[in-house]
Every structure is written in C-alpha cells, then in structure tokens.
PDB file of N, CA and C in Angstrom:
ATOM      1  N   MET A   1      86.870 315.386  77.183  1.00  0.00           N
ATOM      2  CA  MET A   1      85.802 315.702  77.603  1.00  0.00           C
ATOM      3  C   MET A   1      84.967 314.817  77.221  1.00  0.00           C
ATOM      4  N   TYR A   2      83.400 314.666  77.223  1.00  0.00           N
ATOM      5  CA  TYR A   2      82.075 314.387  77.106  1.00  0.00           C
ATOM      6  C   TYR A   2      81.025 314.623  76.604  1.00  0.00           C
ATOM      7  N   ILE A   3      81.116 314.422  75.477  1.00  0.00           N
ATOM      8  CA  ILE A   3      80.035 315.325  74.567  1.00  0.00           C
ATOM      9  C   ILE A   3      78.749 314.462  74.084  1.00  0.00           C
ATOM     10  N   SER A   4      77.761 315.125  74.467  1.00  0.00           N
ATOM     11  CA  SER A   4      76.293 315.094  74.348  1.00  0.00           C
ATOM     12  C   SER A   4      75.604 315.676  73.699  1.00  0.00           C
ATOM     13  N   ILE A   5      74.508 315.331  72.231  1.00  0.00           N
ATOM     14  CA  ILE A   5      73.807 315.636  71.375  1.00  0.00           C
ATOM     15  C   ILE A   5      72.612 315.255  71.441  1.00  0.00           C
ATOM     16  N   THR A   6      71.965 316.144  72.126  1.00  0.00           N
ATOM     17  CA  THR A   6      70.154 315.339  71.951  1.00  0.00           C
ATOM     18  C   THR A   6      69.206 316.027  70.710  1.00  0.00           C
ATOM     19  N   GLY A   7      68.082 315.491  70.473  1.00  0.00           N
ATOM     20  CA  GLY A   7      66.835 316.063  69.587  1.00  0.00           C
ATOM     21  C   GLY A   7      66.028 315.767  69.751  1.00  0.00           C
ATOM     22  N   LEU A   8      65.097 316.665  70.352  1.00  0.00           N
ATOM     23  CA  LEU A   8      63.526 316.404  71.047  1.00  0.00           C
ATOM     24  C   LEU A   8      62.566 316.998  69.846  1.00  0.00           C
ATOM     25  N   LYS A   9      61.588 316.259  69.428  1.00  0.00           N
ATOM     26  CA  LYS A   9      60.463 316.717  68.774  1.00  0.00           C
ATOM     27  C   LYS A   9      59.236 316.805  69.744  1.00  0.00           C
ATOM     28  N   THR A  10      58.641 317.531  70.019  1.00  0.00           N
ATOM     29  CA  THR A  10      57.386 317.409  70.832  1.00  0.00           C
ATOM     30  C   THR A  10      56.118 317.068  69.988  1.00  0.00           C
ATOM     31  N   LYS A  11      55.236 316.471  70.824  1.00  0.00           N
ATOM     32  CA  LYS A  11      53.719 315.660  70.112  1.00  0.00           C
ATOM     33  C   LYS A  11      52.812 316.643  70.094  1.00  0.00           C
ATOM     34  N   GLY A  12      52.370 318.065  69.750  1.00  0.00           N
ATOM     35  CA  GLY A  12      51.746 318.704  69.919  1.00  0.00           C
ATOM     36  C   GLY A  12      51.566 319.858  70.568  1.00  0.00           C
ATOM     37  N   LEU A  13      50.592 320.954  70.996  1.00  0.00           N
ATOM     38  CA  LEU A  13      50.543 322.107  71.424  1.00  0.00           C
ATOM     39  C   LEU A  13      50.519 321.829  73.131  1.00  0.00           C
ATOM     40  N   PHE A  14      49.748 320.709  73.197  1.00  0.00           N
ATOM     41  CA  PHE A  14      49.847 320.670  74.892  1.00  0.00           C
ATOM     42  C   PHE A  14      51.214 320.292  75.773  1.00  0.00           C
ATOM     43  N   ALA A  15      51.810 319.135  74.950  1.00  0.00           N
ATOM     44  CA  ALA A  15      52.871 318.453  74.893  1.00  0.00           C
ATOM     45  C   ALA A  15      54.407 319.499  74.637  1.00  0.00           C
ATOM     46  N   SER A  16      53.930 320.764  73.999  1.00  0.00           N
ATOM     47  CA  SER A  16      55.151 321.367  73.751  1.00  0.00           C
ATOM     48  C   SER A  16      55.098 322.558  75.127  1.00  0.00           C
ATOM     49  N   ILE A  17      53.564 322.508  75.309  1.00  0.00           N
ATOM     50  CA  ILE A  17      53.961 323.714  76.978  1.00  0.00           C
ATOM     51  C   ILE A  17      54.375 322.977  77.937  1.00  0.00           C
ATOM     52  N   ARG A  18      54.060 321.589  78.455  1.00  0.00           N
ATOM     53  CA  ARG A  18      54.497 320.926  79.108  1.00  0.00           C
ATOM     54  C   ARG A  18      56.494 320.957  79.188  1.00  0.00           C
ATOM     55  N   PHE A  19      56.451 320.231  77.566  1.00  0.00           N
ATOM     56  CA  PHE A  19      57.916 320.184  77.125  1.00  0.00           C
ATOM     57  C   PHE A  19      58.656 321.300  77.967  1.00  0.00           C
ATOM     58  N   TRP A  20      57.968 322.843  77.467  1.00  0.00           N
ATOM     59  CA  TRP A  20      58.791 323.693  77.920  1.00  0.00           C
ATOM     60  C   TRP A  20      58.804 324.072  79.768  1.00  0.00           C
ATOM     61  N   PHE A  21      57.923 323.284  80.184  1.00  0.00           N
ATOM     62  CA  PHE A  21      58.127 323.768  81.587  1.00  0.00           C
ATOM     63  C   PHE A  21      58.367 323.069  82.229  1.00  0.00           C
ATOM     64  N   LEU A  22      59.012 321.913  81.450  1.00  0.00           N
ATOM     65  CA  LEU A  22      60.357 321.049  82.141  1.00  0.00           C
ATOM     66  C   LEU A  22      61.296 320.963  81.612  1.00  0.00           C
ATOM     67  N   THR A  23      61.733 321.261  80.573  1.00  0.00           N
ATOM     68  CA  THR A  23      62.664 321.634  79.877  1.00  0.00           C
ATOM     69  C   THR A  23      63.572 322.912  80.350  1.00  0.00           C
ATOM     70  N   VAL A  24      62.699 323.948  80.520  1.00  0.00           N
ATOM     71  CA  VAL A  24      63.780 325.116  81.032  1.00  0.00           C
ATOM     72  C   VAL A  24      64.253 324.978  82.372  1.00  0.00           C
ATOM     73  N   PRO A  25      63.887 324.591  83.676  1.00  0.00           N
ATOM     74  CA  PRO A  25      64.459 324.347  84.331  1.00  0.00           C
ATOM     75  C   PRO A  25      65.951 323.390  84.703  1.00  0.00           C
ATOM     76  N   ALA A  26      65.625 322.072  83.725  1.00  0.00           N
ATOM     77  CA  ALA A  26      66.560 321.163  83.300  1.00  0.00           C
ATOM     78  C   ALA A  26      67.586 322.085  82.447  1.00  0.00           C
ATOM     79  N   PHE A  27      67.468 322.723  81.659  1.00  0.00           N
ATOM     80  CA  PHE A  27      68.668 323.122  80.752  1.00  0.00           C
ATOM     81  C   PHE A  27      69.546 324.208  82.074  1.00  0.00           C
ATOM     82  N   LYS A  28      68.582 324.794  82.977  1.00  0.00           N
ATOM     83  CA  LYS A  28      69.130 326.136  83.589  1.00  0.00           C
ATOM     84  C   LYS A  28      70.260 325.151  84.802  1.00  0.00           C
ATOM     85  N   ALA A  29      69.355 323.907  85.078  1.00  0.00           N
ATOM     86  CA  ALA A  29      70.617 322.959  86.182  1.00  0.00           C
ATOM     87  C   ALA A  29      71.788 322.739  84.912  1.00  0.00           C
ATOM     88  N   ALA A  30      71.729 322.343  84.015  1.00  0.00           N
ATOM     89  CA  ALA A  30      72.964 321.992  83.292  1.00  0.00           C
ATOM     90  C   ALA A  30      73.694 322.861  82.746  1.00  0.00           C
ATOM     91  N   ARG A  31      73.377 323.823  82.729  1.00  0.00           N
ATOM     92  CA  ARG A  31      74.391 325.146  82.761  1.00  0.00           C
ATOM     93  C   ARG A  31      74.979 325.203  83.973  1.00  0.00           C
ATOM     94  N   ASN A  32      74.653 324.599  85.024  1.00  0.00           N
ATOM     95  CA  ASN A  32      75.489 325.164  86.330  1.00  0.00           C
ATOM     96  C   ASN A  32      75.562 323.617  86.716  1.00  0.00           C
ATOM     97  N   ALA A  33      75.728 322.806  86.264  1.00  0.00           N
ATOM     98  CA  ALA A  33      76.194 321.854  86.533  1.00  0.00           C
ATOM     99  C   ALA A  33      77.615 321.416  86.640  1.00  0.00           C
ATOM    100  N   ASN A  34      78.018 320.444  87.886  1.00  0.00           N
ATOM    101  CA  ASN A  34      79.765 320.207  88.339  1.00  0.00           C
ATOM    102  C   ASN A  34      80.185 319.817  87.205  1.00  0.00           C
ATOM    103  N   GLY A  35      81.170 320.288  86.318  1.00  0.00           N
ATOM    104  CA  GLY A  35      81.484 319.599  85.251  1.00  0.00           C
ATOM    105  C   GLY A  35      81.299 320.142  83.739  1.00  0.00           C
ATOM    106  N   VAL A  36      80.133 320.994  83.240  1.00  0.00           N
ATOM    107  CA  VAL A  36      79.639 321.148  82.338  1.00  0.00           C
ATOM    108  C   VAL A  36      80.684 322.485  81.614  1.00  0.00           C
ATOM    109  N   ILE A  37      81.466 322.238  80.303  1.00  0.00           N
ATOM    110  CA  ILE A  37      82.247 323.162  80.090  1.00  0.00           C
ATOM    111  C   ILE A  37      81.103 324.070  78.647  1.00  0.00           C
ATOM    112  N   LEU A  38      80.082 323.319  78.536  1.00  0.00           N
ATOM    113  CA  LEU A  38      79.522 324.006  77.108  1.00  0.00           C
ATOM    114  C   LEU A  38      77.624 323.397  77.326  1.00  0.00           C
ATOM    115  N   CYS A  39      77.073 324.237  77.207  1.00  0.00           N
ATOM    116  CA  CYS A  39      75.906 324.072  77.791  1.00  0.00           C
ATOM    117  C   CYS A  39      74.824 324.834  76.361  1.00  0.00           C
ATOM    118  N   GLU A  40      74.408 324.534  75.459  1.00  0.00           N
ATOM    119  CA  GLU A  40      73.514 325.350  74.390  1.00  0.00           C
ATOM    120  C   GLU A  40      72.690 324.373  73.838  1.00  0.00           C
ATOM    121  N   SER A  41      71.328 325.203  73.212  1.00  0.00           N
ATOM    122  CA  SER A  41      70.165 324.631  72.619  1.00  0.00           C
ATOM    123  C   SER A  41      70.230 325.551  71.435  1.00  0.00           C
ATOM    124  N   LYS A  42      69.505 324.515  70.335  1.00  0.00           N
ATOM    125  CA  LYS A  42      69.338 325.320  68.953  1.00  0.00           C
ATOM    126  C   LYS A  42      68.115 324.680  68.603  1.00  0.00           C
ATOM    127  N   SER A  43      67.024 324.970  67.452  1.00  0.00           N
ATOM    128  CA  SER A  43      66.380 324.123  67.143  1.00  0.00           C
ATOM    129  C   SER A  43      66.478 323.975  65.158  1.00  0.00           C
ATOM    130  N   GLN A  44      66.149 323.365  65.256  1.00  0.00           N
ATOM    131  CA  GLN A  44      66.432 322.733  63.849  1.00  0.00           C
ATOM    132  C   GLN A  44      65.040 321.501  63.345  1.00  0.00           C
ATOM    133  N   ASN A  45      64.308 321.804  62.076  1.00  0.00           N
ATOM    134  CA  ASN A  45      63.483 320.761  61.367  1.00  0.00           C
ATOM    135  C   ASN A  45      62.393 320.340  62.440  1.00  0.00           C
ATOM    136  N   SER A  46      62.229 321.395  63.377  1.00  0.00           N
ATOM    137  CA  SER A  46      61.239 321.007  63.997  1.00  0.00           C
ATOM    138  C   SER A  46      61.474 320.492  65.680  1.00  0.00           C
ATOM    139  N   TYR A  47      62.857 320.065  65.981  1.00  0.00           N
ATOM    140  CA  TYR A  47      63.508 319.140  67.159  1.00  0.00           C
ATOM    141  C   TYR A  47      64.580 320.540  67.536  1.00  0.00           C
ATOM    142  N   HIS A  48      64.282 320.156  68.818  1.00  0.00           N
ATOM    143  CA  HIS A  48      64.779 321.148  69.645  1.00  0.00           C
ATOM    144  C   HIS A  48      66.231 320.276  70.512  1.00  0.00           C
ATOM    145  N   HIS A  49      66.839 320.690  70.082  1.00  0.00           N
ATOM    146  CA  HIS A  49      68.122 319.968  70.146  1.00  0.00           C
ATOM    147  C   HIS A  49      69.079 320.687  71.499  1.00  0.00           C
ATOM    148  N   THR A  50      70.113 319.728  72.295  1.00  0.00           N
ATOM    149  CA  THR A  50      70.762 320.424  73.062  1.00  0.00           C
ATOM    150  C   THR A  50      72.245 319.999  73.100  1.00  0.00           C
ATOM    151  N   LEU A  51      73.433 320.838  73.111  1.00  0.00           N
ATOM    152  CA  LEU A  51      74.426 320.348  72.882  1.00  0.00           C
ATOM    153  C   LEU A  51      75.519 320.329  74.407  1.00  0.00           C
ATOM    154  N   THR A  52      75.720 319.534  74.612  1.00  0.00           N
ATOM    155  CA  THR A  52      76.377 320.029  76.238  1.00  0.00           C
ATOM    156  C   THR A  52      77.748 318.881  76.084  1.00  0.00           C
ATOM    157  N   VAL A  53      78.481 319.571  76.696  1.00  0.00           N
ATOM    158  CA  VAL A  53      80.390 318.992  76.515  1.00  0.00           C
ATOM    159  C   VAL A  53      80.703 319.295  78.252  1.00  0.00           C
ATOM    160  N   TRP A  54      81.119 317.710  78.782  1.00  0.00           N
ATOM    161  CA  TRP A  54      81.670 317.717  80.229  1.00  0.00           C
ATOM    162  C   TRP A  54      82.840 317.539  80.267  1.00  0.00           C
ATOM    163  N   LYS A  55      83.178 317.737  81.272  1.00  0.00           N
ATOM    164  CA  LYS A  55      84.752 317.665  81.405  1.00  0.00           C
ATOM    165  C   LYS A  55      84.947 315.676  81.772  1.00  0.00           C
ATOM    166  N   SER A  56      83.797 314.943  81.976  1.00  0.00           N
ATOM    167  CA  SER A  56      83.896 313.907  82.003  1.00  0.00           C
ATOM    168  C   SER A  56      82.457 312.775  81.724  1.00  0.00           C
ATOM    169  N   LYS A  57      82.693 311.579  81.858  1.00  0.00           N
ATOM    170  CA  LYS A  57      81.337 311.226  81.489  1.00  0.00           C
ATOM    171  C   LYS A  57      80.563 311.081  83.055  1.00  0.00           C
ATOM    172  N   ALA A  58      81.129 310.856  83.923  1.00  0.00           N
ATOM    173  CA  ALA A  58      80.746 310.926  85.419  1.00  0.00           C
ATOM    174  C   ALA A  58      80.272 312.123  85.510  1.00  0.00           C
ATOM    175  N   ASN A  59      80.548 313.551  85.144  1.00  0.00           N
ATOM    176  CA  ASN A  59      80.022 314.466  85.424  1.00  0.00           C
ATOM    177  C   ASN A  59      78.511 314.245  84.861  1.00  0.00           C
ATOM    178  N   MET A  60      78.761 313.943  83.634  1.00  0.00           N
ATOM    179  CA  MET A  60      77.493 313.867  82.654  1.00  0.00           C
ATOM    180  C   MET A  60      76.252 313.265  83.249  1.00  0.00           C
ATOM    181  N   ILE A  61      76.687 311.772  84.022  1.00  0.00           N
ATOM    182  CA  ILE A  61      75.869 310.969  84.611  1.00  0.00           C
ATOM    183  C   ILE A  61      75.601 311.345  85.808  1.00  0.00           C
ATOM    184  N   GLU A  62      76.212 312.532  86.525  1.00  0.00           N
ATOM    185  CA  GLU A  62      75.567 313.098  87.776  1.00  0.00           C
ATOM    186  C   GLU A  62      74.428 314.134  87.624  1.00  0.00           C
ATOM    187  N   TYR A  63      74.518 314.366  86.457  1.00  0.00           N
ATOM    188  CA  TYR A  63      73.617 315.937  86.053  1.00  0.00           C
ATOM    189  C   TYR A  63      72.335 314.708  85.590  1.00  0.00           C
ATOM    190  N   ILE A  64      72.590 313.903  84.931  1.00  0.00           N
ATOM    191  CA  ILE A  64      71.497 313.097  84.315  1.00  0.00           C
ATOM    192  C   ILE A  64      70.276 312.682  85.322  1.00  0.00           C
ATOM    193  N   ASN A  65      70.958 312.012  86.446  1.00  0.00           N
ATOM    194  CA  ASN A  65      70.366 311.656  87.660  1.00  0.00           C
ATOM    195  C   ASN A  65      70.237 312.518  88.781  1.00  0.00           C
ATOM    196  N   SER A  66      70.284 313.793  88.674  1.00  0.00           N
ATOM    197  CA  SER A  66      69.833 314.905  89.400  1.00  0.00           C
ATOM    198  C   SER A  66      68.619 315.124  89.083  1.00  0.00           C
ATOM    199  N   PRO A  67      67.287 315.247  90.240  1.00  0.00           N
ATOM    200  CA  PRO A  67      65.807 315.509  90.367  1.00  0.00           C
ATOM    201  C   PRO A  67      65.348 316.421  89.275  1.00  0.00           C
ATOM    202  N   VAL A  68      65.653 317.637  88.812  1.00  0.00           N
ATOM    203  CA  VAL A  68      65.222 318.043  87.748  1.00  0.00           C
ATOM    204  C   VAL A  68      65.386 317.519  86.289  1.00  0.00           C
ATOM    205  N   HIS A  69      66.704 316.652  86.338  1.00  0.00           N
ATOM    206  CA  HIS A  69      66.956 316.304  84.652  1.00  0.00           C
ATOM    207  C   HIS A  69      65.821 314.870  85.072  1.00  0.00           C
ATOM    208  N   LEU A  70      65.476 314.246  86.168  1.00  0.00           N
ATOM    209  CA  LEU A  70      65.033 313.158  86.166  1.00  0.00           C
ATOM    210  C   LEU A  70      63.656 312.875  86.076  1.00  0.00           C
ATOM    211  N   LYS A  71      62.854 314.577  86.699  1.00  0.00           N
ATOM    212  CA  LYS A  71      61.456 314.583  86.462  1.00  0.00           C
ATOM    213  C   LYS A  71      61.544 314.950  85.031  1.00  0.00           C
ATOM    214  N   ALA A  72      61.806 315.883  84.352  1.00  0.00           N
ATOM    215  CA  ALA A  72      61.448 315.908  82.975  1.00  0.00           C
ATOM    216  C   ALA A  72      62.008 314.235  81.866  1.00  0.00           C
ATOM    217  N   LYS A  73      62.779 313.596  82.186  1.00  0.00           N
ATOM    218  CA  LYS A  73      63.020 312.566  81.464  1.00  0.00           C
ATOM    219  C   LYS A  73      62.142 311.249  81.978  1.00  0.00           C
ATOM    220  N   ARG A  74      61.167 311.344  83.040  1.00  0.00           N
ATOM    221  CA  ARG A  74      59.843 310.968  83.310  1.00  0.00           C
ATOM    222  C   ARG A  74      58.693 311.101  82.545  1.00  0.00           C
ATOM    223  N   ALA A  75      58.818 312.554  81.651  1.00  0.00           N
ATOM    224  CA  ALA A  75      57.492 313.162  81.427  1.00  0.00           C
ATOM    225  C   ALA A  75      57.742 312.722  80.078  1.00  0.00           C
ATOM    226  N   PHE A  76      58.830 312.712  79.332  1.00  0.00           N
ATOM    227  CA  PHE A  76      59.549 312.747  78.322  1.00  0.00           C
ATOM    228  C   PHE A  76      58.649 311.589  77.336  1.00  0.00           C
ATOM    229  N   PRO A  77      58.244 310.371  77.519  1.00  0.00           N
ATOM    230  CA  PRO A  77      57.408 309.720  76.428  1.00  0.00           C
ATOM    231  C   PRO A  77      55.906 310.097  76.051  1.00  0.00           C
ATOM    232  N   SER A  78      55.560 311.109  76.738  1.00  0.00           N
ATOM    233  CA  SER A  78      54.186 311.277  76.750  1.00  0.00           C
ATOM    234  C   SER A  78      54.083 313.070  76.243  1.00  0.00           C
ATOM    235  N   ILE A  79      55.582 313.203  76.055  1.00  0.00           N
ATOM    236  CA  ILE A  79      55.427 314.672  75.448  1.00  0.00           C
ATOM    237  C   ILE A  79      56.388 315.024  74.212  1.00  0.00           C
ATOM    238  N   ALA A  80      56.953 314.218  74.115  1.00  0.00           N
ATOM    239  CA  ALA A  80      57.936 314.477  72.835  1.00  0.00           C
ATOM    240  C   ALA A  80      58.694 312.779  72.550  1.00  0.00           C
ATOM    241  N   VAL A  81      59.463 313.186  70.805  1.00  0.00           N
ATOM    242  CA  VAL A  81      59.870 312.109  70.515  1.00  0.00           C
ATOM    243  C   VAL A  81      61.233 312.587  70.395  1.00  0.00           C
ATOM    244  N   GLY A  82      62.792 311.610  70.527  1.00  0.00           N
ATOM    245  CA  GLY A  82      63.799 311.736  69.982  1.00  0.00           C
ATOM    246  C   GLY A  82      64.971 310.998  69.833  1.00  0.00           C
ATOM    247  N   LYS A  83      66.374 311.453  69.881  1.00  0.00           N
ATOM    248  CA  LYS A  83      67.330 310.688  69.973  1.00  0.00           C
ATOM    249  C   LYS A  83      68.289 311.750  70.675  1.00  0.00           C
ATOM    250  N   VAL A  84      69.650 310.428  71.029  1.00  0.00           N
ATOM    251  CA  VAL A  84      70.517 311.400  71.882  1.00  0.00           C
ATOM    252  C   VAL A  84      71.955 310.183  71.162  1.00  0.00           C
ATOM    253  N   VAL A  85      73.145 311.545  71.276  1.00  0.00           N
ATOM    254  CA  VAL A  85      74.234 310.716  70.887  1.00  0.00           C
ATOM    255  C   VAL A  85      75.102 310.910  71.767  1.00  0.00           C
ATOM    256  N   SER A  86      76.162 310.519  72.626  1.00  0.00           N
ATOM    257  CA  SER A  86      76.647 310.795  73.197  1.00  0.00           C
ATOM    258  C   SER A  86      78.225 310.099  73.146  1.00  0.00           C
ATOM    259  N   TYR A  87      79.842 310.769  73.444  1.00  0.00           N
ATOM    260  CA  TYR A  87      80.695 309.802  72.951  1.00  0.00           C
ATOM    261  C   TYR A  87      81.929 310.893  73.669  1.00  0.00           C
ATOM    262  N   GLN A  88      82.973 310.130  73.492  1.00  0.00           N
ATOM    263  CA  GLN A  88      84.212 310.978  74.291  1.00  0.00           C
ATOM    264  C   GLN A  88      84.909 311.624  72.900  1.00  0.00           C
ATOM    265  N   GLY A  89      85.109 312.888  73.177  1.00  0.00           N
ATOM    266  CA  GLY A  89      85.847 314.016  72.234  1.00  0.00           C
ATOM    267  C   GLY A  89      87.072 314.479  72.658  1.00  0.00           C
ATOM    268  N   ASP A  90      87.847 315.092  71.806  1.00  0.00           N
ATOM    269  CA  ASP A  90      88.762 315.780  72.042  1.00  0.00           C
ATOM    270  C   ASP A  90      88.556 317.391  71.893  1.00  0.00           C
ATOM    271  N   THR A  91      87.934 317.485  70.783  1.00  0.00           N
ATOM    272  CA  THR A  91      87.385 319.010  70.894  1.00  0.00           C
ATOM    273  C   THR A  91      85.636 319.467  70.819  1.00  0.00           C
ATOM    274  N   ILE A  92      85.619 320.465  71.298  1.00  0.00           N
ATOM    275  CA  ILE A  92      83.956 320.500  71.378  1.00  0.00           C
ATOM    276  C   ILE A  92      83.736 321.211  69.882  1.00  0.00           C
ATOM    277  N   PRO A  93      82.508 319.960  69.362  1.00  0.00           N
ATOM    278  CA  PRO A  93      82.183 320.349  68.064  1.00  0.00           C
ATOM    279  C   PRO A  93      81.332 321.248  67.654  1.00  0.00           C
ATOM    280  N   SER A  94      81.296 322.211  66.620  1.00  0.00           N
ATOM    281  CA  SER A  94      80.648 322.924  65.898  1.00  0.00           C
ATOM    282  C   SER A  94      78.854 322.735  66.014  1.00  0.00           C
ATOM    283  N   TRP A  95      78.397 323.216  65.660  1.00  0.00           N
ATOM    284  CA  TRP A  95      76.721 323.179  65.686  1.00  0.00           C
ATOM    285  C   TRP A  95      76.448 322.444  64.087  1.00  0.00           C
ATOM    286  N   GLU A  96      77.187 322.603  63.542  1.00  0.00           N
ATOM    287  CA  GLU A  96      77.429 321.598  62.109  1.00  0.00           C
ATOM    288  C   GLU A  96      77.740 320.251  62.126  1.00  0.00           C
ATOM    289  N   GLN A  97      79.169 319.952  63.148  1.00  0.00           N
ATOM    290  CA  GLN A  97      79.357 319.036  63.151  1.00  0.00           C
ATOM    291  C   GLN A  97      78.322 318.568  64.124  1.00  0.00           C
ATOM    292  N   ALA A  98      77.507 319.032  65.277  1.00  0.00           N
ATOM    293  CA  ALA A  98      76.712 317.929  66.212  1.00  0.00           C
ATOM    294  C   ALA A  98      75.897 318.000  65.298  1.00  0.00           C
ATOM    295  N   PHE A  99      75.535 318.300  64.401  1.00  0.00           N
ATOM    296  CA  PHE A  99      74.045 317.800  63.986  1.00  0.00           C
ATOM    297  C   PHE A  99      74.512 316.940  62.954  1.00  0.00           C
ATOM    298  N   LYS A 100      75.665 317.040  62.408  1.00  0.00           N
ATOM    299  CA  LYS A 100      75.886 316.121  61.757  1.00  0.00           C
ATOM    300  C   LYS A 100      75.713 314.436  62.370  1.00  0.00           C
ATOM    301  N   GLU A 101      77.294 314.559  63.496  1.00  0.00           N
ATOM    302  CA  GLU A 101      76.917 313.430  64.485  1.00  0.00           C
ATOM    303  C   GLU A 101      75.635 313.005  64.793  1.00  0.00           C
ATOM    304  N   TRP A 102      74.616 313.833  65.220  1.00  0.00           N
ATOM    305  CA  TRP A 102      73.363 313.202  65.747  1.00  0.00           C
ATOM    306  C   TRP A 102      72.244 312.511  64.439  1.00  0.00           C
ATOM    307  N   ASN A 103      72.738 313.204  63.552  1.00  0.00           N
ATOM    308  CA  ASN A 103      71.813 312.733  62.261  1.00  0.00           C
ATOM    309  C   ASN A 103      72.225 310.995  61.812  1.00  0.00           C
ATOM    310  N   GLU A 104      73.629 310.939  62.081  1.00  0.00           N
ATOM    311  CA  GLU A 104      74.206 309.741  61.690  1.00  0.00           C
ATOM    312  C   GLU A 104      74.268 308.233  62.804  1.00  0.00           C
ATOM    313  N   ARG A 105      74.345 308.765  63.791  1.00  0.00           N
ATOM    314  CA  ARG A 105      74.747 308.295  65.217  1.00  0.00           C
ATOM    315  C   ARG A 105      73.640 308.141  65.999  1.00  0.00           C
ATOM    316  N   ALA A 106      73.072 309.127  66.364  1.00  0.00           N
ATOM    317  CA  ALA A 106      72.038 309.017  67.370  1.00  0.00           C
ATOM    318  C   ALA A 106      71.131 307.687  67.430  1.00  0.00           C
ATOM    319  N   ARG A 107      70.741 307.360  68.785  1.00  0.00           N
ATOM    320  CA  ARG A 107      69.618 306.297  68.931  1.00  0.00           C
ATOM    321  C   ARG A 107      68.639 307.176  69.441  1.00  0.00           C
ATOM    322  N   PRO A 108      67.223 306.428  69.421  1.00  0.00           N
ATOM    323  CA  PRO A 108      65.918 306.608  69.718  1.00  0.00           C
ATOM    324  C   PRO A 108      66.198 306.615  71.118  1.00  0.00           C
ATOM    325  N   VAL A 109      65.255 307.704  71.622  1.00  0.00           N
ATOM    326  CA  VAL A 109      65.086 307.776  73.518  1.00  0.00           C
ATOM    327  C   VAL A 109      63.511 307.994  73.820  1.00  0.00           C
TER     328      VAL A 109
END
C-alpha cells in the first residue's frame, strides 16, 4: 500500500472560499479514483488534512496527474501553505498515527 498524508492551511477568507471550491471536486475524484483504498479528511490546528491509502504508488500518481487535482495544485501557492508525507506501508494508519507521521516527516509543498 502507498499512504499519503497532506495538511493545508488557507491564507485567509477569500483563499478559504477558493480552497473549498477546488478541494471538494478533487476530494470526490480521489474517493472514486482507481486503486484508492481509503480517502478521509480531518481538520486539526487550522490545517485541513487528507489521509489517502492506495493500492500502489502508481495509482496515487495517476490521480495526482488527473485534471481535477492538477487544477487544485496550480492554485495552491496563492491560497494555502502546507506539507505532505507519502510512504510505502503494510497497514492503514489511524488518524493519530497519521498526524504523528505528518508532524515528524512531512515536507513543505
């Protein structure tokens, strides 16, 4: 399995509205993407997190290269700051484990 944990914090009210406008379609697409095992979201400390688990890294890359994700990704620098961590794993992490992994190992995006 390939696990990805993101955390994004919007840059204000206007950015927050644009963030949700782009994020909702991208999240729906992720939930229905080829090879997705788990797709969840949760907010903590003003960050909007996603936890996705994929059958393979190739499945995740296929999704991140999809038009809906690329559209959100292009807008990202003007609307949010954040970090991501992705890794190969044998078990689906709990949210507690995911937050720990993100806090310790995530890189800025």
